[in-house]
């Protein structure tokens, strides 16, 4: 799964059918993995934190994938094709559920995607009406 590049430190990545997510290669290159490819995963209520540590507990495969714990996926409604924010900052990778929202109102329901942005349908209707009225 390729994912969407938001900026050099943020990606939106999808989860596969067995709960794996691919960590972007650019992030792994900045976070030099040890030879055994193990990293510490800390699972909080809504966020997963990955970092180098003396107590690694998670394996990242040769394709840069790791399995997200089942209890975290169930608790946060993460299933196949659900997307996560993957952020890199100062040697730490964080992941949390991506919920699209309207760029104008912040609403998260009844959205239409346009050029990578989300717009609430009621806002879109209002914009169209305003545009039509201005053209008359």
Protein backbone atom coordinates (compact mmCIF):
# COMPACT_ATOMS: atom_id res chain seq x y z
CA UNK A 1 0.00 0.00 0.00
CA UNK A 2 1.57 3.25 -1.14
CA UNK A 3 -0.14 5.78 1.04
CA UNK A 4 -0.52 9.53 0.73
CA UNK A 5 2.38 11.90 1.32
CA UNK A 6 1.25 14.83 3.45
CA UNK A 7 4.74 16.26 3.98
CA UNK A 8 8.23 14.89 4.61
CA UNK A 9 7.29 13.79 8.13
CA UNK A 10 3.66 12.68 7.69
CA UNK A 11 2.04 9.91 5.63
CA UNK A 12 -1.41 8.38 5.51
CA UNK A 13 -1.12 4.60 5.18
CA UNK A 14 -3.67 1.80 4.89
CA UNK A 15 -3.92 -1.33 7.02
CA UNK A 16 -3.97 -4.71 5.26
CA UNK A 17 -6.23 -7.71 5.88
CA UNK A 18 -4.08 -9.14 8.69
CA UNK A 19 -3.53 -5.86 10.51
CA UNK A 20 -0.14 -4.90 9.08
CA UNK A 21 0.95 -1.43 8.13
CA UNK A 22 4.00 -0.45 6.12
CA UNK A 23 6.29 2.06 7.73
CA UNK A 24 7.55 4.48 5.06
CA UNK A 25 11.12 3.67 3.99
CA UNK A 26 12.14 7.32 4.46
CA UNK A 27 11.16 7.07 8.14
CA UNK A 28 13.00 3.79 8.67
CA UNK A 29 16.10 5.26 7.01
CA UNK A 30 16.08 8.11 9.54
CA UNK A 31 15.46 5.67 12.39
CA UNK A 32 18.33 3.23 11.90
CA UNK A 33 17.00 -0.21 12.78
CA UNK A 34 19.29 -2.63 14.57
CA UNK A 35 20.31 -5.81 12.72
CA UNK A 36 17.54 -7.84 14.37
CA UNK A 37 14.97 -5.31 13.03
CA UNK A 38 13.28 -5.06 16.43
CA UNK A 39 11.83 -1.84 17.82
CA UNK A 40 9.87 -0.85 20.91
CA UNK A 41 6.13 -0.42 20.40
CA UNK A 42 4.16 1.44 23.06
CA UNK A 43 0.39 1.17 22.71
CA UNK A 44 -1.65 3.94 24.26
CA UNK A 45 -5.41 4.53 24.12
CA UNK A 46 -5.52 5.95 20.56
CA UNK A 47 -1.84 6.17 19.56
CA UNK A 48 0.97 3.74 18.82
CA UNK A 49 4.52 4.94 19.44
CA UNK A 50 7.54 3.27 17.82
CA UNK A 51 11.08 4.02 18.93
CA UNK A 52 14.53 2.52 19.31
CA UNK A 53 15.00 1.17 22.79
CA UNK A 54 16.94 -1.25 24.98
CA UNK A 55 13.64 -3.18 25.30
CA UNK A 56 12.45 -3.94 21.76
CA UNK A 57 9.19 -5.90 21.55
CA UNK A 58 8.13 -5.65 17.88
CA UNK A 59 9.65 -6.94 14.64
CA UNK A 60 9.63 -4.93 11.41
CA UNK A 61 9.90 -7.25 8.40
CA UNK A 62 12.19 -6.69 5.40
CA UNK A 63 9.39 -4.80 3.59
CA UNK A 64 9.04 -2.34 6.50
CA UNK A 65 5.77 -3.80 7.79
CA UNK A 66 4.67 -4.54 11.32
CA UNK A 67 1.49 -5.96 12.80
CA UNK A 68 -0.69 -3.60 14.80
CA UNK A 69 -1.95 -5.34 17.97
CA UNK A 70 -5.43 -6.82 17.57
CA UNK A 71 -6.81 -5.23 20.76
CA UNK A 72 -5.73 -1.77 19.52
CA UNK A 73 -7.34 -2.40 16.12
CA UNK A 74 -10.60 -3.58 17.72
CA UNK A 75 -10.72 -0.75 20.26
CA UNK A 76 -10.20 1.91 17.57
CA UNK A 77 -12.31 0.35 14.80
CA UNK A 78 -9.30 -0.28 12.56
CA UNK A 79 -10.01 -2.85 9.88
CA UNK A 80 -8.67 -3.56 6.41
CA UNK A 81 -8.48 -0.42 4.25
CA UNK A 82 -8.78 1.94 7.23
CA UNK A 83 -6.05 4.56 7.10
CA UNK A 84 -3.65 5.73 9.79
CA UNK A 85 -1.60 8.88 10.17
CA UNK A 86 2.07 7.88 10.35
CA UNK A 87 4.25 10.69 11.72
CA UNK A 88 8.01 10.92 12.22
CA UNK A 89 9.56 13.37 14.65
CA UNK A 90 12.90 13.32 16.46
CA UNK A 91 13.51 9.59 16.16
CA UNK A 92 9.97 8.57 17.11
CA UNK A 93 7.23 7.25 14.81
CA UNK A 94 3.63 7.67 15.93
CA UNK A 95 0.49 6.20 14.37
CA UNK A 96 -3.16 6.99 14.97
CA UNK A 97 -6.42 6.56 13.10
CA UNK A 98 -7.00 8.94 10.20
CA UNK A 99 -10.45 10.53 10.25
CA UNK A 100 -11.12 12.85 7.31
CA UNK A 101 -12.83 16.15 8.13
CA UNK A 102 -14.24 19.04 6.11
CA UNK A 103 -11.64 21.73 5.43
CA UNK A 104 -14.26 24.41 6.12
CA UNK A 105 -16.31 23.12 9.07
CA UNK A 106 -14.37 20.23 10.61
CA UNK A 107 -17.36 17.90 10.14
CA UNK A 108 -16.51 14.22 9.69
CA UNK A 109 -19.73 12.94 8.09
CA UNK A 110 -21.24 13.26 4.59
CA UNK A 111 -17.95 14.22 2.96
CA UNK A 112 -16.93 14.52 -0.67
CA UNK A 113 -13.27 14.28 -1.63
CA UNK A 114 -11.99 16.85 -4.12
CA UNK A 115 -8.32 17.15 -5.11
CA UNK A 116 -7.18 15.49 -1.90
CA UNK A 117 -9.35 17.65 0.36
CA UNK A 118 -12.62 16.75 2.06
CA UNK A 119 -15.68 19.00 1.86
CA UNK A 120 -18.99 18.43 3.67
CA UNK A 121 -21.86 17.93 1.22
CA UNK A 122 -23.87 20.78 2.77
CA UNK A 123 -20.89 23.14 2.31
CA UNK A 124 -20.49 21.99 -1.28
CA UNK A 125 -24.18 22.67 -1.94
CA UNK A 126 -23.86 26.14 -0.40
CA UNK A 127 -20.78 26.89 -2.53
CA UNK A 128 -22.50 25.75 -5.71
CA UNK A 129 -25.58 27.90 -4.98
CA UNK A 130 -23.40 30.92 -4.26
CA UNK A 131 -21.37 30.37 -7.45
CA UNK A 132 -24.51 29.99 -9.58
CA UNK A 133 -26.01 33.19 -8.12
CA UNK A 134 -22.81 35.16 -8.79
CA UNK A 135 -22.74 34.05 -12.43
CA UNK A 136 -26.24 35.46 -13.13
